[in-house]
Amino acid sequence: MPNCLVLNGHPLQPSFSAALADRYQSTLEARGINVRRLDLPDMVVPELTTRKPGDAEMADDIKLFWDSMVWADHVVIVHPLWWGGMPAKLKALFDIGLQTGKAYRYEGNSPLPLGLLKGRSARMIITSDTPGFFMALAYGNAHFRAMKNQILKFVGLNPVKLTHLSMMRNSTPEQRNAFLDKASRAAAQDATMLIKRKR
């Protein structure tokens, strides 16, 4: 069966991101998908002091993250939108864990990288206080596009799908249950895609 990495990218606990990751994970597991779960609050992400080449050794939670990326057929990242982007600890995980020479490399004089994680797909589940229409009109979906094109597709993941859940602020229990149901439906769609791809 296919393998899926579910990364809860909220640095604090408890969080609604963790609840969304729980629901996504349980839906996949009910369909027979192998799931590996990482929770950012439980991970130690060291300070980045220098850019490391692809032959540099990884250790501890960074190695666990990288090994999980390689293991996965599908990667799901759940996180809140803070100040128009992802939480700093999640960005640091990408900065340190997606090394040049491992996650991507440049060949010859080509200005574009070769993503070395090809053959894998991804989904972003992002919560925000900003309505979807305002994200598009006022901000041009800037974070969504950067996350999709400059991180996930950059290292070879494709297709990359988005589930945007808003507005979180002042949301009612009924609205949060609807968000959880939406995450479950996304997981069911992804499970169907993964099973078909494995045939």
N, C-alpha and C. Protein backbone atom coordinates (compact mmCIF):
# COMPACT_ATOMS: atom_id res chain seq x y z
N MET A 1 0.84 -1.20 0.00
CA MET A 1 0.00 0.00 0.00
C MET A 1 0.88 1.25 0.00
N PRO A 2 0.32 2.37 -0.45
CA PRO A 2 1.10 3.62 -0.48
C PRO A 2 1.46 4.11 0.91
N ASN A 3 2.49 4.93 0.95
CA ASN A 3 2.97 5.53 2.20
C ASN A 3 2.68 7.02 2.19
N CYS A 4 2.27 7.54 3.34
CA CYS A 4 1.96 8.97 3.46
C CYS A 4 2.60 9.54 4.72
N LEU A 5 3.30 10.65 4.56
CA LEU A 5 3.81 11.42 5.69
C LEU A 5 2.81 12.51 6.02
N VAL A 6 2.34 12.53 7.25
CA VAL A 6 1.47 13.60 7.74
C VAL A 6 2.28 14.44 8.72
N LEU A 7 2.51 15.69 8.35
CA LEU A 7 3.31 16.60 9.18
C LEU A 7 2.41 17.69 9.75
N ASN A 8 2.25 17.66 11.07
CA ASN A 8 1.56 18.74 11.77
C ASN A 8 2.56 19.85 11.98
N GLY A 9 2.42 20.95 11.22
CA GLY A 9 3.39 22.02 11.24
C GLY A 9 3.07 23.16 12.17
N HIS A 10 2.16 22.94 13.12
CA HIS A 10 1.89 23.97 14.15
C HIS A 10 2.88 23.76 15.28
N PRO A 11 3.64 24.78 15.68
CA PRO A 11 4.70 24.59 16.68
C PRO A 11 4.21 24.48 18.11
N LEU A 12 2.93 24.76 18.35
CA LEU A 12 2.40 24.73 19.71
C LEU A 12 1.42 23.59 19.87
N GLN A 13 1.21 23.20 21.11
CA GLN A 13 0.20 22.19 21.37
C GLN A 13 -0.58 22.54 22.65
N PRO A 14 -1.87 22.20 22.66
CA PRO A 14 -2.64 21.60 21.57
C PRO A 14 -2.93 22.62 20.47
N SER A 15 -3.37 22.12 19.32
CA SER A 15 -3.69 23.02 18.22
C SER A 15 -4.76 22.39 17.35
N PHE A 16 -5.47 23.24 16.61
CA PHE A 16 -6.45 22.72 15.68
C PHE A 16 -5.75 22.06 14.49
N SER A 17 -4.55 22.50 14.17
CA SER A 17 -3.79 21.84 13.11
C SER A 17 -3.57 20.36 13.45
N ALA A 18 -3.29 20.07 14.72
CA ALA A 18 -3.11 18.69 15.14
C ALA A 18 -4.40 17.90 14.97
N ALA A 19 -5.53 18.53 15.29
CA ALA A 19 -6.82 17.86 15.12
C ALA A 19 -7.10 17.57 13.65
N LEU A 20 -6.75 18.51 12.78
CA LEU A 20 -6.91 18.29 11.34
C LEU A 20 -6.02 17.15 10.86
N ALA A 21 -4.78 17.13 11.36
CA ALA A 21 -3.86 16.05 10.99
C ALA A 21 -4.39 14.71 11.49
N ASP A 22 -4.97 14.69 12.69
CA ASP A 22 -5.57 13.47 13.22
C ASP A 22 -6.66 12.95 12.30
N ARG A 23 -7.54 13.85 11.87
CA ARG A 23 -8.67 13.44 11.03
C ARG A 23 -8.18 12.96 9.67
N TYR A 24 -7.24 13.68 9.09
CA TYR A 24 -6.69 13.26 7.80
C TYR A 24 -6.04 11.88 7.93
N GLN A 25 -5.25 11.71 8.98
CA GLN A 25 -4.55 10.45 9.20
C GLN A 25 -5.51 9.29 9.37
N SER A 26 -6.53 9.47 10.20
CA SER A 26 -7.47 8.37 10.46
C SER A 26 -8.24 7.98 9.21
N THR A 27 -8.54 8.96 8.36
CA THR A 27 -9.24 8.67 7.11
C THR A 27 -8.35 7.85 6.18
N LEU A 28 -7.07 8.21 6.09
CA LEU A 28 -6.15 7.43 5.26
C LEU A 28 -5.99 6.02 5.79
N GLU A 29 -5.80 5.89 7.09
CA GLU A 29 -5.56 4.57 7.68
C GLU A 29 -6.77 3.67 7.50
N ALA A 30 -7.96 4.25 7.53
CA ALA A 30 -9.17 3.46 7.30
C ALA A 30 -9.23 2.90 5.89
N ARG A 31 -8.48 3.50 4.97
CA ARG A 31 -8.43 3.05 3.58
C ARG A 31 -7.16 2.25 3.28
N GLY A 32 -6.44 1.91 4.32
CA GLY A 32 -5.30 1.03 4.16
C GLY A 32 -3.98 1.70 3.81
N ILE A 33 -3.94 3.02 3.87
CA ILE A 33 -2.70 3.74 3.57
C ILE A 33 -1.77 3.69 4.78
N ASN A 34 -0.49 3.43 4.54
CA ASN A 34 0.50 3.47 5.61
C ASN A 34 0.82 4.93 5.94
N VAL A 35 0.73 5.29 7.21
CA VAL A 35 0.93 6.68 7.61
C VAL A 35 2.07 6.78 8.61
N ARG A 36 2.94 7.76 8.37
CA ARG A 36 3.96 8.14 9.34
C ARG A 36 3.65 9.57 9.76
N ARG A 37 3.58 9.81 11.06
CA ARG A 37 3.14 11.10 11.59
C ARG A 37 4.30 11.81 12.29
N LEU A 38 4.47 13.08 11.95
CA LEU A 38 5.43 13.94 12.65
C LEU A 38 4.69 15.16 13.17
N ASP A 39 4.98 15.53 14.41
CA ASP A 39 4.37 16.71 15.04
C ASP A 39 5.47 17.68 15.40
N LEU A 40 5.40 18.88 14.83
CA LEU A 40 6.45 19.87 15.02
C LEU A 40 6.74 20.19 16.50
N PRO A 41 5.73 20.25 17.39
CA PRO A 41 6.04 20.55 18.79
C PRO A 41 6.97 19.52 19.43
N ASP A 42 6.95 18.29 18.92
CA ASP A 42 7.77 17.22 19.49
C ASP A 42 9.16 17.15 18.86
N MET A 43 9.43 17.98 17.87
CA MET A 43 10.69 17.91 17.13
C MET A 43 11.66 18.99 17.58
N VAL A 44 12.93 18.63 17.61
CA VAL A 44 13.99 19.60 17.89
C VAL A 44 14.57 20.02 16.55
N VAL A 45 14.41 21.30 16.23
CA VAL A 45 14.94 21.85 14.99
C VAL A 45 16.05 22.82 15.36
N PRO A 46 17.30 22.46 15.10
CA PRO A 46 18.41 23.31 15.54
C PRO A 46 18.48 24.62 14.77
N GLU A 47 19.19 25.57 15.33
CA GLU A 47 19.39 26.85 14.66
C GLU A 47 20.23 26.64 13.41
N LEU A 48 19.84 27.30 12.34
CA LEU A 48 20.59 27.22 11.09
C LEU A 48 21.76 28.19 11.15
N THR A 49 22.98 27.66 11.14
CA THR A 49 24.17 28.52 11.19
C THR A 49 24.89 28.58 9.86
N THR A 50 24.64 27.61 8.97
CA THR A 50 25.26 27.61 7.65
C THR A 50 24.44 26.73 6.73
N ARG A 51 24.51 26.99 5.44
CA ARG A 51 23.86 26.12 4.47
C ARG A 51 24.68 24.87 4.31
N LYS A 52 24.06 23.71 4.40
CA LYS A 52 24.80 22.46 4.36
C LYS A 52 24.64 21.77 3.01
N PRO A 53 25.72 21.19 2.48
CA PRO A 53 25.64 20.46 1.23
C PRO A 53 24.91 19.14 1.40
N GLY A 54 24.55 18.53 0.28
CA GLY A 54 23.77 17.31 0.33
C GLY A 54 24.48 16.13 0.94
N ASP A 55 25.82 16.18 1.02
CA ASP A 55 26.54 15.06 1.61
C ASP A 55 26.75 15.23 3.11
N ALA A 56 26.22 16.33 3.67
CA ALA A 56 26.33 16.53 5.12
C ALA A 56 25.41 15.54 5.84
N GLU A 57 25.89 15.03 6.95
CA GLU A 57 25.11 14.06 7.71
C GLU A 57 23.94 14.76 8.42
N MET A 58 22.81 14.08 8.40
CA MET A 58 21.66 14.55 9.16
C MET A 58 21.56 13.75 10.45
N ALA A 59 20.98 14.35 11.46
CA ALA A 59 20.87 13.66 12.74
C ALA A 59 19.52 13.94 13.37
N ASP A 60 19.13 13.05 14.26
CA ASP A 60 17.98 13.24 15.14
C ASP A 60 16.70 13.54 14.35
N ASP A 61 15.96 14.58 14.74
CA ASP A 61 14.66 14.84 14.13
C ASP A 61 14.78 15.32 12.69
N ILE A 62 15.90 15.94 12.32
CA ILE A 62 16.09 16.35 10.93
C ILE A 62 16.23 15.12 10.05
N LYS A 63 16.98 14.14 10.52
CA LYS A 63 17.12 12.89 9.76
C LYS A 63 15.79 12.16 9.68
N LEU A 64 15.02 12.17 10.78
CA LEU A 64 13.70 11.54 10.77
C LEU A 64 12.80 12.20 9.73
N PHE A 65 12.82 13.52 9.68
CA PHE A 65 12.03 14.24 8.68
C PHE A 65 12.47 13.87 7.26
N TRP A 66 13.76 13.91 7.01
CA TRP A 66 14.25 13.59 5.66
C TRP A 66 13.93 12.14 5.28
N ASP A 67 14.20 11.21 6.17
CA ASP A 67 13.91 9.80 5.89
C ASP A 67 12.42 9.59 5.62
N SER A 68 11.58 10.34 6.31
CA SER A 68 10.13 10.23 6.12
C SER A 68 9.72 10.80 4.76
N MET A 69 10.37 11.88 4.33
CA MET A 69 10.10 12.44 3.00
C MET A 69 10.45 11.43 1.91
N VAL A 70 11.59 10.76 2.07
CA VAL A 70 12.03 9.77 1.08
C VAL A 70 11.10 8.56 1.08
N TRP A 71 10.66 8.15 2.26
CA TRP A 71 9.79 6.99 2.42
C TRP A 71 8.40 7.22 1.81
N ALA A 72 7.94 8.44 1.86
CA ALA A 72 6.54 8.74 1.51
C ALA A 72 6.29 8.75 0.01
N ASP A 73 5.09 8.32 -0.36
CA ASP A 73 4.57 8.53 -1.71
C ASP A 73 3.78 9.84 -1.78
N HIS A 74 3.35 10.31 -0.63
CA HIS A 74 2.48 11.49 -0.54
C HIS A 74 2.81 12.21 0.76
N VAL A 75 2.89 13.52 0.71
CA VAL A 75 3.27 14.32 1.87
C VAL A 75 2.15 15.33 2.16
N VAL A 76 1.70 15.36 3.39
CA VAL A 76 0.65 16.29 3.80
C VAL A 76 1.21 17.20 4.89
N ILE A 77 1.08 18.50 4.67
CA ILE A 77 1.59 19.48 5.63
C ILE A 77 0.42 20.33 6.10
N VAL A 78 0.18 20.31 7.41
CA VAL A 78 -0.91 21.08 8.01
C VAL A 78 -0.28 22.19 8.84
N HIS A 79 -0.67 23.43 8.57
CA HIS A 79 -0.11 24.51 9.38
C HIS A 79 -1.02 25.74 9.33
N PRO A 80 -0.88 26.62 10.34
CA PRO A 80 -1.62 27.88 10.34
C PRO A 80 -0.87 28.93 9.53
N LEU A 81 -1.59 29.92 9.05
CA LEU A 81 -0.98 31.06 8.38
C LEU A 81 -0.71 32.13 9.43
N TRP A 82 0.58 32.42 9.64
CA TRP A 82 1.00 33.44 10.61
C TRP A 82 1.76 34.52 9.88
N TRP A 83 1.32 35.76 9.99
CA TRP A 83 2.00 36.88 9.34
C TRP A 83 2.24 36.61 7.86
N GLY A 84 1.23 36.02 7.23
CA GLY A 84 1.31 35.80 5.78
C GLY A 84 2.16 34.63 5.35
N GLY A 85 2.62 33.82 6.30
CA GLY A 85 3.47 32.68 5.95
C GLY A 85 3.34 31.57 6.96
N MET A 86 4.26 30.63 6.87
CA MET A 86 4.25 29.50 7.80
C MET A 86 4.96 29.87 9.09
N PRO A 87 4.71 29.16 10.20
CA PRO A 87 5.45 29.40 11.43
C PRO A 87 6.96 29.23 11.22
N ALA A 88 7.73 29.99 11.97
CA ALA A 88 9.19 30.02 11.77
C ALA A 88 9.83 28.65 11.96
N LYS A 89 9.36 27.88 12.92
CA LYS A 89 9.96 26.56 13.18
C LYS A 89 9.76 25.63 11.99
N LEU A 90 8.60 25.72 11.34
CA LEU A 90 8.36 24.90 10.15
C LEU A 90 9.28 25.33 9.02
N LYS A 91 9.43 26.63 8.82
CA LYS A 91 10.35 27.13 7.79
C LYS A 91 11.78 26.66 8.08
N ALA A 92 12.18 26.68 9.35
CA ALA A 92 13.52 26.22 9.71
C ALA A 92 13.70 24.74 9.39
N LEU A 93 12.65 23.94 9.60
CA LEU A 93 12.72 22.51 9.26
C LEU A 93 12.98 22.33 7.77
N PHE A 94 12.30 23.10 6.94
CA PHE A 94 12.54 23.02 5.50
C PHE A 94 13.94 23.52 5.15
N ASP A 95 14.35 24.63 5.77
CA ASP A 95 15.67 25.20 5.49
C ASP A 95 16.78 24.19 5.75
N ILE A 96 16.66 23.45 6.85
CA ILE A 96 17.72 22.53 7.26
C ILE A 96 17.54 21.14 6.63
N GLY A 97 16.30 20.69 6.51
CA GLY A 97 16.05 19.31 6.09
C GLY A 97 16.02 19.08 4.60
N LEU A 98 15.79 20.12 3.80
CA LEU A 98 15.73 19.96 2.34
C LEU A 98 17.04 20.49 1.75
N GLN A 99 18.08 19.67 1.85
CA GLN A 99 19.42 20.10 1.48
C GLN A 99 19.64 20.01 -0.03
N THR A 100 20.42 20.96 -0.54
CA THR A 100 20.85 20.86 -1.92
C THR A 100 21.70 19.61 -2.10
N GLY A 101 21.47 18.91 -3.20
CA GLY A 101 22.16 17.65 -3.43
C GLY A 101 21.39 16.46 -2.93
N LYS A 102 20.45 16.68 -2.01
CA LYS A 102 19.56 15.61 -1.54
C LYS A 102 18.14 15.84 -2.06
N ALA A 103 17.60 17.03 -1.79
CA ALA A 103 16.23 17.33 -2.19
C ALA A 103 16.16 17.91 -3.60
N TYR A 104 17.23 18.55 -4.03
CA TYR A 104 17.29 19.15 -5.38
C TYR A 104 18.74 19.38 -5.75
N ARG A 105 18.98 19.61 -7.04
CA ARG A 105 20.32 19.99 -7.48
C ARG A 105 20.21 20.74 -8.80
N TYR A 106 21.22 21.52 -9.07
CA TYR A 106 21.32 22.22 -10.34
C TYR A 106 22.28 21.46 -11.25
N GLU A 107 21.94 21.38 -12.52
CA GLU A 107 22.78 20.67 -13.47
C GLU A 107 23.24 21.61 -14.56
N GLY A 108 24.54 21.63 -14.80
CA GLY A 108 25.10 22.46 -15.84
C GLY A 108 24.80 23.92 -15.63
N ASN A 109 24.40 24.59 -16.70
CA ASN A 109 24.09 26.01 -16.63
C ASN A 109 22.60 26.29 -16.51
N SER A 110 21.82 25.25 -16.24
CA SER A 110 20.38 25.42 -16.15
C SER A 110 20.04 26.31 -14.96
N PRO A 111 19.17 27.32 -15.16
CA PRO A 111 18.76 28.17 -14.04
C PRO A 111 17.70 27.51 -13.15
N LEU A 112 17.16 26.40 -13.61
CA LEU A 112 16.10 25.72 -12.88
C LEU A 112 16.63 24.46 -12.22
N PRO A 113 16.17 24.16 -11.01
CA PRO A 113 16.67 22.98 -10.30
C PRO A 113 16.01 21.70 -10.79
N LEU A 114 16.68 20.60 -10.50
CA LEU A 114 16.10 19.29 -10.69
C LEU A 114 15.61 18.81 -9.34
N GLY A 115 14.29 18.64 -9.20
CA GLY A 115 13.74 18.14 -7.94
C GLY A 115 14.03 16.67 -7.80
N LEU A 116 14.63 16.27 -6.70
CA LEU A 116 15.06 14.88 -6.50
C LEU A 116 14.04 14.05 -5.74
N LEU A 117 12.89 14.62 -5.43
CA LEU A 117 11.82 13.87 -4.77
C LEU A 117 10.67 13.61 -5.73
N LYS A 118 10.99 13.51 -7.01
CA LYS A 118 9.95 13.24 -8.01
C LYS A 118 9.25 11.92 -7.73
N GLY A 119 8.02 11.84 -8.23
CA GLY A 119 7.23 10.64 -8.03
C GLY A 119 6.36 10.69 -6.78
N ARG A 120 6.44 11.80 -6.05
CA ARG A 120 5.64 11.98 -4.85
C ARG A 120 4.67 13.14 -5.06
N SER A 121 3.55 13.08 -4.39
CA SER A 121 2.56 14.16 -4.44
C SER A 121 2.46 14.81 -3.07
N ALA A 122 1.68 15.88 -2.98
CA ALA A 122 1.57 16.59 -1.70
C ALA A 122 0.23 17.28 -1.59
N ARG A 123 -0.14 17.56 -0.36
CA ARG A 123 -1.30 18.39 -0.06
C ARG A 123 -0.93 19.35 1.07
N MET A 124 -1.33 20.60 0.90
CA MET A 124 -1.22 21.59 1.96
C MET A 124 -2.60 21.78 2.58
N ILE A 125 -2.68 21.71 3.90
CA ILE A 125 -3.90 22.06 4.62
C ILE A 125 -3.54 23.25 5.49
N ILE A 126 -4.06 24.42 5.14
CA ILE A 126 -3.63 25.67 5.77
C ILE A 126 -4.84 26.38 6.35
N THR A 127 -4.73 26.73 7.62
CA THR A 127 -5.80 27.48 8.29
C THR A 127 -5.41 28.96 8.35
N SER A 128 -6.43 29.81 8.34
CA SER A 128 -6.15 31.25 8.44
C SER A 128 -7.36 31.98 8.98
N ASP A 129 -7.12 33.21 9.41
CA ASP A 129 -8.20 34.11 9.79
C ASP A 129 -8.67 34.94 8.60
N THR A 130 -7.95 34.85 7.50
CA THR A 130 -8.24 35.65 6.31
C THR A 130 -9.17 34.88 5.38
N PRO A 131 -10.27 35.47 4.95
CA PRO A 131 -11.15 34.79 4.01
C PRO A 131 -10.45 34.48 2.69
N GLY A 132 -10.89 33.43 2.05
CA GLY A 132 -10.27 33.01 0.80
C GLY A 132 -10.28 34.09 -0.27
N PHE A 133 -11.40 34.80 -0.41
CA PHE A 133 -11.48 35.82 -1.47
C PHE A 133 -10.49 36.95 -1.21
N PHE A 134 -10.27 37.29 0.08
CA PHE A 134 -9.34 38.36 0.40
C PHE A 134 -7.90 37.90 0.21
N MET A 135 -7.64 36.61 0.51
CA MET A 135 -6.31 36.06 0.25
C MET A 135 -5.96 36.20 -1.22
N ALA A 136 -6.94 35.94 -2.09
CA ALA A 136 -6.69 36.01 -3.53
C ALA A 136 -6.59 37.45 -4.02
N LEU A 137 -7.55 38.30 -3.63
CA LEU A 137 -7.61 39.65 -4.18
C LEU A 137 -6.55 40.58 -3.59
N ALA A 138 -6.37 40.53 -2.29
CA ALA A 138 -5.44 41.47 -1.64
C ALA A 138 -4.01 40.97 -1.62
N TYR A 139 -3.83 39.65 -1.47
CA TYR A 139 -2.49 39.10 -1.28
C TYR A 139 -2.03 38.21 -2.43
N GLY A 140 -2.92 37.99 -3.40
CA GLY A 140 -2.52 37.17 -4.54
C GLY A 140 -2.18 35.74 -4.19
N ASN A 141 -2.75 35.23 -3.07
CA ASN A 141 -2.45 33.87 -2.62
C ASN A 141 -0.95 33.64 -2.52
N ALA A 142 -0.23 34.65 -2.05
CA ALA A 142 1.24 34.64 -2.10
C ALA A 142 1.84 33.43 -1.39
N HIS A 143 1.39 33.15 -0.18
CA HIS A 143 1.99 32.01 0.54
C HIS A 143 1.65 30.70 -0.12
N PHE A 144 0.41 30.56 -0.55
CA PHE A 144 0.02 29.31 -1.20
C PHE A 144 0.90 29.05 -2.42
N ARG A 145 1.13 30.08 -3.22
CA ARG A 145 1.93 29.92 -4.43
C ARG A 145 3.39 29.63 -4.09
N ALA A 146 3.92 30.33 -3.07
CA ALA A 146 5.32 30.11 -2.68
C ALA A 146 5.51 28.69 -2.14
N MET A 147 4.60 28.27 -1.28
CA MET A 147 4.69 26.93 -0.70
C MET A 147 4.62 25.86 -1.79
N LYS A 148 3.70 26.04 -2.72
CA LYS A 148 3.51 25.06 -3.78
C LYS A 148 4.68 25.03 -4.75
N ASN A 149 5.05 26.22 -5.27
CA ASN A 149 6.00 26.27 -6.37
C ASN A 149 7.46 26.39 -5.95
N GLN A 150 7.71 27.08 -4.82
CA GLN A 150 9.09 27.36 -4.45
C GLN A 150 9.63 26.44 -3.35
N ILE A 151 8.76 25.56 -2.85
CA ILE A 151 9.23 24.56 -1.89
C ILE A 151 8.88 23.16 -2.39
N LEU A 152 7.59 22.86 -2.46
CA LEU A 152 7.19 21.48 -2.74
C LEU A 152 7.48 21.06 -4.18
N LYS A 153 7.04 21.84 -5.15
CA LYS A 153 7.35 21.49 -6.54
C LYS A 153 8.84 21.67 -6.82
N PHE A 154 9.48 22.60 -6.13
CA PHE A 154 10.91 22.86 -6.30
C PHE A 154 11.73 21.59 -6.06
N VAL A 155 11.29 20.78 -5.06
CA VAL A 155 12.02 19.54 -4.77
C VAL A 155 11.42 18.33 -5.48
N GLY A 156 10.42 18.57 -6.35
CA GLY A 156 9.92 17.51 -7.20
C GLY A 156 8.54 16.98 -6.90
N LEU A 157 7.91 17.43 -5.80
CA LEU A 157 6.59 16.91 -5.48
C LEU A 157 5.55 17.48 -6.45
N ASN A 158 4.72 16.60 -6.98
CA ASN A 158 3.72 17.02 -7.97
C ASN A 158 2.76 15.86 -8.23
N PRO A 159 1.43 16.11 -8.22
CA PRO A 159 0.78 17.41 -8.03
C PRO A 159 0.78 17.83 -6.56
N VAL A 160 0.55 19.12 -6.35
CA VAL A 160 0.42 19.69 -5.01
C VAL A 160 -0.97 20.31 -4.91
N LYS A 161 -1.77 19.82 -3.97
CA LYS A 161 -3.13 20.31 -3.80
C LYS A 161 -3.24 21.14 -2.52
N LEU A 162 -4.23 22.01 -2.51
CA LEU A 162 -4.43 22.92 -1.38
C LEU A 162 -5.83 22.76 -0.80
N THR A 163 -5.88 22.69 0.53
CA THR A 163 -7.13 22.83 1.27
C THR A 163 -6.96 24.03 2.20
N HIS A 164 -7.70 25.11 1.91
CA HIS A 164 -7.60 26.34 2.72
C HIS A 164 -8.84 26.42 3.59
N LEU A 165 -8.64 26.52 4.89
CA LEU A 165 -9.74 26.55 5.85
C LEU A 165 -9.75 27.90 6.56
N SER A 166 -10.81 28.66 6.33
CA SER A 166 -10.93 29.97 6.98
C SER A 166 -12.42 30.26 7.17
N MET A 167 -12.80 31.11 8.10
CA MET A 167 -11.95 31.87 9.00
C MET A 167 -11.90 31.14 10.34
N MET A 168 -10.70 31.02 10.89
CA MET A 168 -10.54 30.32 12.15
C MET A 168 -10.97 31.17 13.35
N ARG A 169 -10.67 32.46 13.29
CA ARG A 169 -10.99 33.33 14.42
C ARG A 169 -12.50 33.39 14.63
N ASN A 170 -12.91 33.17 15.86
CA ASN A 170 -14.33 33.18 16.25
C ASN A 170 -15.14 32.07 15.59
N SER A 171 -14.47 31.04 15.06
CA SER A 171 -15.22 29.94 14.45
C SER A 171 -15.95 29.16 15.54
N THR A 172 -17.13 28.68 15.20
CA THR A 172 -17.97 27.92 16.14
C THR A 172 -17.58 26.45 16.11
N PRO A 173 -17.99 25.69 17.12
CA PRO A 173 -17.74 24.24 17.08
C PRO A 173 -18.30 23.59 15.81
N GLU A 174 -19.46 24.08 15.36
CA GLU A 174 -20.04 23.52 14.14
C GLU A 174 -19.15 23.82 12.93
N GLN A 175 -18.61 25.01 12.87
CA GLN A 175 -17.72 25.36 11.75
C GLN A 175 -16.43 24.55 11.81
N ARG A 176 -15.92 24.33 12.99
CA ARG A 176 -14.69 23.54 13.12
C ARG A 176 -14.94 22.08 12.75
N ASN A 177 -16.10 21.57 13.09
CA ASN A 177 -16.45 20.22 12.66
C ASN A 177 -16.52 20.15 11.14
N ALA A 178 -17.03 21.20 10.52
CA ALA A 178 -17.07 21.25 9.06
C ALA A 178 -15.66 21.27 8.47
N PHE A 179 -14.75 21.98 9.12
CA PHE A 179 -13.35 21.99 8.67
C PHE A 179 -12.74 20.59 8.77
N LEU A 180 -13.02 19.91 9.86
CA LEU A 180 -12.52 18.55 10.03
C LEU A 180 -13.07 17.62 8.97
N ASP A 181 -14.35 17.78 8.66
CA ASP A 181 -14.97 16.97 7.61
C ASP A 181 -14.33 17.25 6.25
N LYS A 182 -13.97 18.52 6.02
CA LYS A 182 -13.33 18.87 4.75
C LYS A 182 -11.95 18.22 4.65
N ALA A 183 -11.23 18.18 5.76
CA ALA A 183 -9.93 17.50 5.77
C ALA A 183 -10.10 16.01 5.50
N SER A 184 -11.15 15.43 6.05
CA SER A 184 -11.42 14.01 5.82
C SER A 184 -11.74 13.73 4.36
N ARG A 185 -12.52 14.61 3.74
CA ARG A 185 -12.85 14.43 2.32
C ARG A 185 -11.60 14.56 1.46
N ALA A 186 -10.73 15.49 1.81
CA ALA A 186 -9.47 15.64 1.08
C ALA A 186 -8.64 14.37 1.21
N ALA A 187 -8.60 13.80 2.41
CA ALA A 187 -7.85 12.57 2.63
C ALA A 187 -8.42 11.41 1.80
N ALA A 188 -9.75 11.33 1.73
CA ALA A 188 -10.37 10.28 0.95
C ALA A 188 -10.02 10.41 -0.54
N GLN A 189 -10.04 11.64 -1.04
CA GLN A 189 -9.65 11.88 -2.43
C GLN A 189 -8.20 11.49 -2.67
N ASP A 190 -7.34 11.86 -1.73
CA ASP A 190 -5.92 11.55 -1.87
C ASP A 190 -5.67 10.04 -1.79
N ALA A 191 -6.39 9.36 -0.92
CA ALA A 191 -6.25 7.91 -0.81
C ALA A 191 -6.62 7.23 -2.12
N THR A 192 -7.71 7.67 -2.73
CA THR A 192 -8.12 7.11 -4.02
C THR A 192 -7.04 7.33 -5.08
N MET A 193 -6.49 8.54 -5.12
CA MET A 193 -5.42 8.84 -6.07
C MET A 193 -4.21 7.95 -5.83
N LEU A 194 -3.81 7.79 -4.57
CA LEU A 194 -2.62 7.01 -4.25
C LEU A 194 -2.80 5.54 -4.60
N ILE A 195 -3.95 5.00 -4.30
CA ILE A 195 -4.20 3.58 -4.61
C ILE A 195 -4.19 3.36 -6.12
N LYS A 196 -4.80 4.26 -6.88
CA LYS A 196 -4.78 4.13 -8.34
C LYS A 196 -3.37 4.21 -8.88
N ARG A 197 -2.57 5.11 -8.29
CA ARG A 197 -1.19 5.31 -8.77
C ARG A 197 -0.33 4.08 -8.50
N LYS A 198 -0.64 3.32 -7.47
CA LYS A 198 0.13 2.14 -7.11
C LYS A 198 -0.21 0.91 -7.96
N ARG A 199 -1.33 0.99 -8.67
CA ARG A 199 -1.76 -0.17 -9.46
C ARG A 199 -0.89 -0.35 -10.70
